Amino acid sequence: MAKFKYELQDVLDLRNYEKEAAENELSKSLEVENQINNELEFIASEYVRIKHLMKGSKDIDDILCQNNYLKLLDFKKEDALERLAQAKIISEQKRQVLMECTKKTTALEKLKDKQFADFKAAEDYKESEFIDDLATSRFRKINN
């Protein structure tokens, strides 16, 4: 039986490489989103903690420090939200690139599978023809 050779294997390999690269890029951008979300959770917990500390405080200096810290937390929150919005946009772009790479790869893989099925059918036909010829030639030798 002959060996199957896919003519577009180099292209498929390149597409698979591009797909892996796109997956890695998407993974990195999602990790950035996750880090920003963790930062926002920390800011929220700090905000709650400071609000709890301020409840019973009567010292003006403590209240001013805590208010300044709350303003800093608000600034950090706004900054983190802006970065998160940008990270989400980038992640969506990376997701679109990955989807395109997946489409290209899938199309080539389907073509490869179809060509392999055609190759296999042709090889099976050749093999059955060979077996038929072999059986016919033996039958002729026995009858002659």
N, C-alpha and C. Protein backbone atom coordinates (compact mmCIF):
# COMPACT_ATOMS: atom_id res chain seq x y z
N MET A 1 0.84 -1.18 0.00
CA MET A 1 0.00 0.00 0.00
C MET A 1 0.89 1.24 0.00
N ALA A 2 0.55 2.18 -0.86
CA ALA A 2 1.31 3.42 -0.96
C ALA A 2 1.03 4.29 0.26
N LYS A 3 1.95 5.19 0.53
CA LYS A 3 1.82 6.08 1.67
C LYS A 3 1.06 7.34 1.25
N PHE A 4 0.13 7.77 2.11
CA PHE A 4 -0.64 8.97 1.83
C PHE A 4 0.21 10.20 2.08
N LYS A 5 0.20 11.11 1.11
CA LYS A 5 0.93 12.37 1.26
C LYS A 5 -0.05 13.51 0.96
N TYR A 6 -0.26 14.34 1.97
CA TYR A 6 -1.15 15.49 1.81
C TYR A 6 -0.33 16.63 1.23
N GLU A 7 -0.78 17.12 0.09
CA GLU A 7 -0.02 18.14 -0.63
C GLU A 7 0.06 19.47 0.11
N LEU A 8 -0.93 19.73 0.94
CA LEU A 8 -0.97 21.01 1.66
C LEU A 8 -0.54 20.86 3.12
N GLN A 9 0.23 19.82 3.42
CA GLN A 9 0.65 19.58 4.80
C GLN A 9 1.48 20.74 5.36
N ASP A 10 2.34 21.30 4.53
CA ASP A 10 3.14 22.44 5.00
C ASP A 10 2.25 23.63 5.36
N VAL A 11 1.23 23.85 4.54
CA VAL A 11 0.30 24.95 4.81
C VAL A 11 -0.48 24.65 6.09
N LEU A 12 -0.92 23.39 6.25
CA LEU A 12 -1.65 23.00 7.46
C LEU A 12 -0.76 23.17 8.70
N ASP A 13 0.49 22.78 8.59
CA ASP A 13 1.41 22.96 9.71
C ASP A 13 1.57 24.43 10.08
N LEU A 14 1.67 25.28 9.06
CA LEU A 14 1.77 26.72 9.29
C LEU A 14 0.51 27.25 9.96
N ARG A 15 -0.64 26.82 9.49
CA ARG A 15 -1.91 27.25 10.07
C ARG A 15 -2.03 26.78 11.53
N ASN A 16 -1.60 25.56 11.80
CA ASN A 16 -1.62 25.06 13.18
C ASN A 16 -0.69 25.88 14.07
N TYR A 17 0.47 26.26 13.54
CA TYR A 17 1.40 27.10 14.29
C TYR A 17 0.77 28.46 14.58
N GLU A 18 0.12 29.04 13.55
CA GLU A 18 -0.54 30.34 13.75
C GLU A 18 -1.67 30.22 14.78
N LYS A 19 -2.38 29.09 14.73
CA LYS A 19 -3.47 28.88 15.68
C LYS A 19 -2.92 28.78 17.11
N GLU A 20 -1.83 28.05 17.29
CA GLU A 20 -1.22 27.95 18.61
C GLU A 20 -0.75 29.31 19.11
N ALA A 21 -0.15 30.08 18.21
CA ALA A 21 0.30 31.42 18.58
C ALA A 21 -0.89 32.30 18.99
N ALA A 22 -1.99 32.19 18.26
CA ALA A 22 -3.18 32.97 18.59
C ALA A 22 -3.76 32.51 19.93
N GLU A 23 -3.73 31.21 20.20
CA GLU A 23 -4.19 30.71 21.49
C GLU A 23 -3.33 31.25 22.63
N ASN A 24 -2.03 31.29 22.41
CA ASN A 24 -1.12 31.82 23.43
C ASN A 24 -1.36 33.31 23.66
N GLU A 25 -1.57 34.04 22.59
CA GLU A 25 -1.83 35.48 22.72
C GLU A 25 -3.14 35.73 23.47
N LEU A 26 -4.16 34.95 23.14
CA LEU A 26 -5.44 35.10 23.84
C LEU A 26 -5.27 34.75 25.32
N SER A 27 -4.52 33.72 25.59
CA SER A 27 -4.28 33.31 26.98
C SER A 27 -3.59 34.43 27.76
N LYS A 28 -2.62 35.07 27.13
CA LYS A 28 -1.92 36.18 27.79
C LYS A 28 -2.86 37.34 28.07
N SER A 29 -3.69 37.67 27.09
CA SER A 29 -4.59 38.81 27.29
C SER A 29 -5.66 38.49 28.34
N LEU A 30 -6.11 37.24 28.40
CA LEU A 30 -7.06 36.85 29.44
C LEU A 30 -6.40 36.87 30.82
N GLU A 31 -5.13 36.54 30.87
CA GLU A 31 -4.39 36.60 32.14
C GLU A 31 -4.29 38.05 32.61
N VAL A 32 -4.07 38.98 31.69
CA VAL A 32 -4.03 40.40 32.05
C VAL A 32 -5.38 40.83 32.62
N GLU A 33 -6.46 40.40 31.97
CA GLU A 33 -7.80 40.70 32.49
C GLU A 33 -7.97 40.15 33.90
N ASN A 34 -7.52 38.93 34.10
CA ASN A 34 -7.64 38.29 35.41
C ASN A 34 -6.85 39.06 36.47
N GLN A 35 -5.65 39.51 36.13
CA GLN A 35 -4.85 40.28 37.08
C GLN A 35 -5.54 41.59 37.45
N ILE A 36 -6.13 42.24 36.46
CA ILE A 36 -6.83 43.51 36.73
C ILE A 36 -8.06 43.25 37.61
N ASN A 37 -8.78 42.16 37.33
CA ASN A 37 -9.93 41.81 38.17
C ASN A 37 -9.50 41.53 39.61
N ASN A 38 -8.37 40.86 39.78
CA ASN A 38 -7.84 40.62 41.13
C ASN A 38 -7.50 41.94 41.81
N GLU A 39 -6.94 42.85 41.05
CA GLU A 39 -6.61 44.18 41.59
C GLU A 39 -7.88 44.91 42.02
N LEU A 40 -8.92 44.81 41.22
CA LEU A 40 -10.20 45.45 41.57
C LEU A 40 -10.81 44.81 42.82
N GLU A 41 -10.69 43.51 42.96
CA GLU A 41 -11.19 42.84 44.17
C GLU A 41 -10.43 43.30 45.40
N PHE A 42 -9.11 43.47 45.26
CA PHE A 42 -8.30 43.96 46.38
C PHE A 42 -8.73 45.38 46.76
N ILE A 43 -8.94 46.22 45.75
CA ILE A 43 -9.37 47.60 46.01
C ILE A 43 -10.71 47.61 46.73
N ALA A 44 -11.63 46.76 46.30
CA ALA A 44 -12.94 46.69 46.94
C ALA A 44 -12.81 46.23 48.39
N SER A 45 -11.97 45.24 48.63
CA SER A 45 -11.80 44.77 50.01
C SER A 45 -11.15 45.83 50.88
N GLU A 46 -10.22 46.56 50.33
CA GLU A 46 -9.58 47.66 51.06
C GLU A 46 -10.60 48.76 51.37
N TYR A 47 -11.44 49.06 50.42
CA TYR A 47 -12.46 50.08 50.61
C TYR A 47 -13.39 49.69 51.77
N VAL A 48 -13.80 48.42 51.77
CA VAL A 48 -14.68 47.94 52.85
C VAL A 48 -13.95 47.98 54.19
N ARG A 49 -12.69 47.57 54.18
CA ARG A 49 -11.90 47.55 55.41
C ARG A 49 -11.75 48.96 55.99
N ILE A 50 -11.45 49.93 55.14
CA ILE A 50 -11.26 51.31 55.61
C ILE A 50 -12.59 51.90 56.08
N LYS A 51 -13.66 51.63 55.38
CA LYS A 51 -14.97 52.12 55.81
C LYS A 51 -15.32 51.55 57.19
N HIS A 52 -14.98 50.28 57.42
CA HIS A 52 -15.24 49.66 58.71
C HIS A 52 -14.39 50.31 59.81
N LEU A 53 -13.13 50.63 59.49
CA LEU A 53 -12.25 51.28 60.46
C LEU A 53 -12.72 52.70 60.79
N MET A 54 -13.33 53.36 59.81
CA MET A 54 -13.74 54.75 60.00
C MET A 54 -14.99 54.88 60.87
N LYS A 55 -15.74 53.83 61.03
CA LYS A 55 -17.02 53.91 61.75
C LYS A 55 -16.88 54.52 63.14
N GLY A 56 -15.96 54.06 63.91
CA GLY A 56 -15.86 54.53 65.29
C GLY A 56 -14.80 55.58 65.50
N SER A 57 -14.13 56.01 64.44
CA SER A 57 -13.02 56.94 64.59
C SER A 57 -13.51 58.36 64.85
N LYS A 58 -12.83 59.01 65.85
CA LYS A 58 -13.16 60.39 66.17
C LYS A 58 -11.96 61.30 65.99
N ASP A 59 -10.80 60.73 65.71
CA ASP A 59 -9.58 61.51 65.51
C ASP A 59 -9.60 62.10 64.10
N ILE A 60 -9.48 63.42 64.03
CA ILE A 60 -9.54 64.12 62.75
C ILE A 60 -8.41 63.67 61.83
N ASP A 61 -7.20 63.50 62.36
CA ASP A 61 -6.07 63.08 61.53
C ASP A 61 -6.34 61.71 60.92
N ASP A 62 -6.89 60.78 61.72
CA ASP A 62 -7.22 59.45 61.19
C ASP A 62 -8.29 59.54 60.10
N ILE A 63 -9.28 60.36 60.35
CA ILE A 63 -10.36 60.50 59.37
C ILE A 63 -9.82 61.09 58.07
N LEU A 64 -8.95 62.11 58.17
CA LEU A 64 -8.36 62.72 56.97
C LEU A 64 -7.49 61.70 56.21
N CYS A 65 -6.69 60.95 56.94
CA CYS A 65 -5.84 59.93 56.30
C CYS A 65 -6.70 58.88 55.60
N GLN A 66 -7.74 58.46 56.29
CA GLN A 66 -8.61 57.43 55.71
C GLN A 66 -9.35 57.98 54.48
N ASN A 67 -9.77 59.22 54.53
CA ASN A 67 -10.42 59.83 53.38
C ASN A 67 -9.46 59.95 52.20
N ASN A 68 -8.22 60.34 52.50
CA ASN A 68 -7.21 60.42 51.44
C ASN A 68 -6.94 59.04 50.83
N TYR A 69 -6.92 58.04 51.70
CA TYR A 69 -6.70 56.67 51.21
C TYR A 69 -7.89 56.23 50.35
N LEU A 70 -9.09 56.59 50.74
CA LEU A 70 -10.28 56.25 49.95
C LEU A 70 -10.22 56.94 48.58
N LYS A 71 -9.74 58.18 48.56
CA LYS A 71 -9.58 58.88 47.28
C LYS A 71 -8.55 58.18 46.40
N LEU A 72 -7.47 57.73 47.03
CA LEU A 72 -6.46 56.98 46.29
C LEU A 72 -7.05 55.68 45.74
N LEU A 73 -7.83 55.00 46.56
CA LEU A 73 -8.47 53.77 46.10
C LEU A 73 -9.43 54.04 44.94
N ASP A 74 -10.17 55.16 45.03
CA ASP A 74 -11.06 55.53 43.92
C ASP A 74 -10.28 55.78 42.65
N PHE A 75 -9.15 56.48 42.78
CA PHE A 75 -8.30 56.74 41.62
C PHE A 75 -7.78 55.43 41.04
N LYS A 76 -7.31 54.53 41.91
CA LYS A 76 -6.80 53.24 41.45
C LYS A 76 -7.91 52.41 40.79
N LYS A 77 -9.12 52.50 41.36
CA LYS A 77 -10.26 51.77 40.79
C LYS A 77 -10.57 52.27 39.39
N GLU A 78 -10.61 53.58 39.22
CA GLU A 78 -10.90 54.15 37.90
C GLU A 78 -9.82 53.75 36.89
N ASP A 79 -8.58 53.81 37.33
CA ASP A 79 -7.48 53.42 36.46
C ASP A 79 -7.59 51.94 36.07
N ALA A 80 -7.89 51.11 37.05
CA ALA A 80 -8.02 49.67 36.79
C ALA A 80 -9.20 49.39 35.87
N LEU A 81 -10.29 50.11 36.04
CA LEU A 81 -11.45 49.91 35.17
C LEU A 81 -11.15 50.30 33.73
N GLU A 82 -10.39 51.37 33.56
CA GLU A 82 -9.98 51.78 32.20
C GLU A 82 -9.07 50.73 31.58
N ARG A 83 -8.12 50.24 32.37
CA ARG A 83 -7.22 49.20 31.86
C ARG A 83 -7.98 47.91 31.54
N LEU A 84 -8.98 47.60 32.38
CA LEU A 84 -9.79 46.41 32.15
C LEU A 84 -10.58 46.54 30.85
N ALA A 85 -11.14 47.72 30.60
CA ALA A 85 -11.88 47.94 29.36
C ALA A 85 -10.96 47.74 28.14
N GLN A 86 -9.75 48.28 28.23
CA GLN A 86 -8.78 48.11 27.14
C GLN A 86 -8.39 46.64 26.99
N ALA A 87 -8.19 45.97 28.11
CA ALA A 87 -7.81 44.56 28.07
C ALA A 87 -8.92 43.71 27.46
N LYS A 88 -10.17 44.06 27.75
CA LYS A 88 -11.30 43.32 27.17
C LYS A 88 -11.36 43.53 25.66
N ILE A 89 -11.09 44.73 25.22
CA ILE A 89 -11.07 45.01 23.77
C ILE A 89 -9.96 44.19 23.11
N ILE A 90 -8.80 44.19 23.71
CA ILE A 90 -7.67 43.43 23.16
C ILE A 90 -8.00 41.93 23.16
N SER A 91 -8.59 41.44 24.23
CA SER A 91 -8.95 40.02 24.30
C SER A 91 -9.94 39.66 23.21
N GLU A 92 -10.90 40.53 22.97
CA GLU A 92 -11.88 40.25 21.92
C GLU A 92 -11.21 40.22 20.55
N GLN A 93 -10.26 41.12 20.33
CA GLN A 93 -9.51 41.10 19.06
C GLN A 93 -8.73 39.80 18.92
N LYS A 94 -8.09 39.39 20.00
CA LYS A 94 -7.32 38.13 19.98
C LYS A 94 -8.25 36.94 19.75
N ARG A 95 -9.44 37.00 20.33
CA ARG A 95 -10.43 35.93 20.15
C ARG A 95 -10.85 35.85 18.69
N GLN A 96 -11.03 37.00 18.04
CA GLN A 96 -11.40 37.01 16.63
C GLN A 96 -10.29 36.42 15.77
N VAL A 97 -9.05 36.77 16.08
CA VAL A 97 -7.91 36.22 15.35
C VAL A 97 -7.88 34.69 15.51
N LEU A 98 -8.10 34.23 16.73
CA LEU A 98 -8.12 32.78 16.98
C LEU A 98 -9.24 32.11 16.20
N MET A 99 -10.40 32.73 16.15
CA MET A 99 -11.51 32.14 15.40
C MET A 99 -11.17 32.03 13.92
N GLU A 100 -10.53 33.04 13.36
CA GLU A 100 -10.13 32.99 11.96
C GLU A 100 -9.10 31.89 11.72
N CYS A 101 -8.14 31.79 12.61
CA CYS A 101 -7.13 30.73 12.49
C CYS A 101 -7.78 29.35 12.59
N THR A 102 -8.73 29.21 13.47
CA THR A 102 -9.43 27.94 13.64
C THR A 102 -10.21 27.58 12.38
N LYS A 103 -10.87 28.56 11.78
CA LYS A 103 -11.60 28.31 10.54
C LYS A 103 -10.67 27.82 9.44
N LYS A 104 -9.53 28.51 9.29
CA LYS A 104 -8.59 28.13 8.24
C LYS A 104 -8.03 26.73 8.48
N THR A 105 -7.69 26.45 9.74
CA THR A 105 -7.15 25.15 10.08
C THR A 105 -8.19 24.05 9.88
N THR A 106 -9.40 24.30 10.30
CA THR A 106 -10.47 23.31 10.17
C THR A 106 -10.74 23.00 8.70
N ALA A 107 -10.75 24.01 7.87
CA ALA A 107 -10.99 23.80 6.44
C ALA A 107 -9.91 22.90 5.85
N LEU A 108 -8.66 23.18 6.19
CA LEU A 108 -7.57 22.36 5.67
C LEU A 108 -7.62 20.93 6.21
N GLU A 109 -8.00 20.78 7.47
CA GLU A 109 -8.09 19.44 8.05
C GLU A 109 -9.22 18.64 7.41
N LYS A 110 -10.34 19.29 7.13
CA LYS A 110 -11.44 18.60 6.45
C LYS A 110 -11.02 18.17 5.05
N LEU A 111 -10.32 19.06 4.37
CA LEU A 111 -9.82 18.72 3.04
C LEU A 111 -8.85 17.53 3.12
N LYS A 112 -8.00 17.54 4.11
CA LYS A 112 -7.05 16.44 4.29
C LYS A 112 -7.80 15.13 4.56
N ASP A 113 -8.80 15.19 5.43
CA ASP A 113 -9.58 13.99 5.72
C ASP A 113 -10.29 13.47 4.48
N LYS A 114 -10.84 14.37 3.69
CA LYS A 114 -11.52 13.96 2.46
C LYS A 114 -10.53 13.33 1.49
N GLN A 115 -9.37 13.95 1.33
CA GLN A 115 -8.37 13.40 0.43
C GLN A 115 -7.87 12.05 0.92
N PHE A 116 -7.74 11.90 2.23
CA PHE A 116 -7.31 10.62 2.78
C PHE A 116 -8.37 9.55 2.53
N ALA A 117 -9.64 9.92 2.70
CA ALA A 117 -10.72 8.96 2.44
C ALA A 117 -10.72 8.54 0.97
N ASP A 118 -10.52 9.51 0.07
CA ASP A 118 -10.44 9.19 -1.36
C ASP A 118 -9.23 8.29 -1.64
N PHE A 119 -8.10 8.62 -1.03
CA PHE A 119 -6.90 7.81 -1.20
C PHE A 119 -7.13 6.39 -0.71
N LYS A 120 -7.73 6.27 0.46
CA LYS A 120 -7.99 4.95 1.05
C LYS A 120 -8.93 4.14 0.15
N ALA A 121 -9.97 4.80 -0.38
CA ALA A 121 -10.89 4.11 -1.28
C ALA A 121 -10.18 3.64 -2.53
N ALA A 122 -9.32 4.49 -3.08
CA ALA A 122 -8.57 4.12 -4.28
C ALA A 122 -7.61 2.96 -3.98
N GLU A 123 -6.97 3.00 -2.84
CA GLU A 123 -6.05 1.91 -2.46
C GLU A 123 -6.81 0.61 -2.23
N ASP A 124 -7.97 0.70 -1.61
CA ASP A 124 -8.79 -0.49 -1.40
C ASP A 124 -9.23 -1.07 -2.73
N TYR A 125 -9.61 -0.19 -3.66
CA TYR A 125 -10.02 -0.65 -4.98
C TYR A 125 -8.85 -1.34 -5.70
N LYS A 126 -7.65 -0.73 -5.64
CA LYS A 126 -6.48 -1.34 -6.27
C LYS A 126 -6.18 -2.69 -5.66
N GLU A 127 -6.29 -2.77 -4.34
CA GLU A 127 -6.01 -4.02 -3.65
C GLU A 127 -7.02 -5.10 -4.05
N SER A 128 -8.29 -4.73 -4.12
CA SER A 128 -9.30 -5.72 -4.53
C SER A 128 -9.10 -6.13 -5.98
N GLU A 129 -8.71 -5.20 -6.84
CA GLU A 129 -8.40 -5.53 -8.23
C GLU A 129 -7.23 -6.49 -8.31
N PHE A 130 -6.21 -6.24 -7.50
CA PHE A 130 -5.04 -7.11 -7.49
C PHE A 130 -5.42 -8.52 -7.02
N ILE A 131 -6.22 -8.58 -5.97
CA ILE A 131 -6.65 -9.88 -5.45
C ILE A 131 -7.52 -10.60 -6.49
N ASP A 132 -8.39 -9.86 -7.17
CA ASP A 132 -9.21 -10.47 -8.23
C ASP A 132 -8.34 -11.00 -9.36
N ASP A 133 -7.34 -10.19 -9.77
CA ASP A 133 -6.43 -10.63 -10.83
C ASP A 133 -5.66 -11.87 -10.39
N LEU A 134 -5.21 -11.89 -9.17
CA LEU A 134 -4.47 -13.02 -8.63
C LEU A 134 -5.35 -14.27 -8.60
N ALA A 135 -6.55 -14.12 -8.13
CA ALA A 135 -7.47 -15.27 -8.09
C ALA A 135 -7.81 -15.76 -9.49
N THR A 136 -8.01 -14.82 -10.41
CA THR A 136 -8.32 -15.19 -11.79
C THR A 136 -7.15 -15.91 -12.44
N SER A 137 -5.96 -15.43 -12.20
CA SER A 137 -4.77 -16.09 -12.80
C SER A 137 -4.57 -17.47 -12.21
N ARG A 138 -4.81 -17.68 -10.95
CA ARG A 138 -4.70 -19.01 -10.36
C ARG A 138 -5.78 -19.96 -10.91
N PHE A 139 -6.98 -19.39 -11.07
CA PHE A 139 -8.06 -20.20 -11.61
C PHE A 139 -7.74 -20.64 -13.03
N ARG A 140 -7.13 -19.73 -13.83
CA ARG A 140 -6.75 -20.05 -15.21
C ARG A 140 -5.67 -21.13 -15.21
N LYS A 141 -4.71 -21.05 -14.30
CA LYS A 141 -3.63 -22.04 -14.24
C LYS A 141 -4.18 -23.42 -13.89
N ILE A 142 -5.13 -23.45 -13.00
CA ILE A 142 -5.73 -24.72 -12.56
C ILE A 142 -6.54 -25.32 -13.70
N ASN A 143 -7.25 -24.54 -14.44
CA ASN A 143 -8.11 -25.02 -15.54
C ASN A 143 -7.30 -25.36 -16.78
N ASN A 144 -6.13 -24.84 -16.95
CA ASN A 144 -5.33 -25.12 -18.15
C ASN A 144 -4.49 -26.31 -17.97
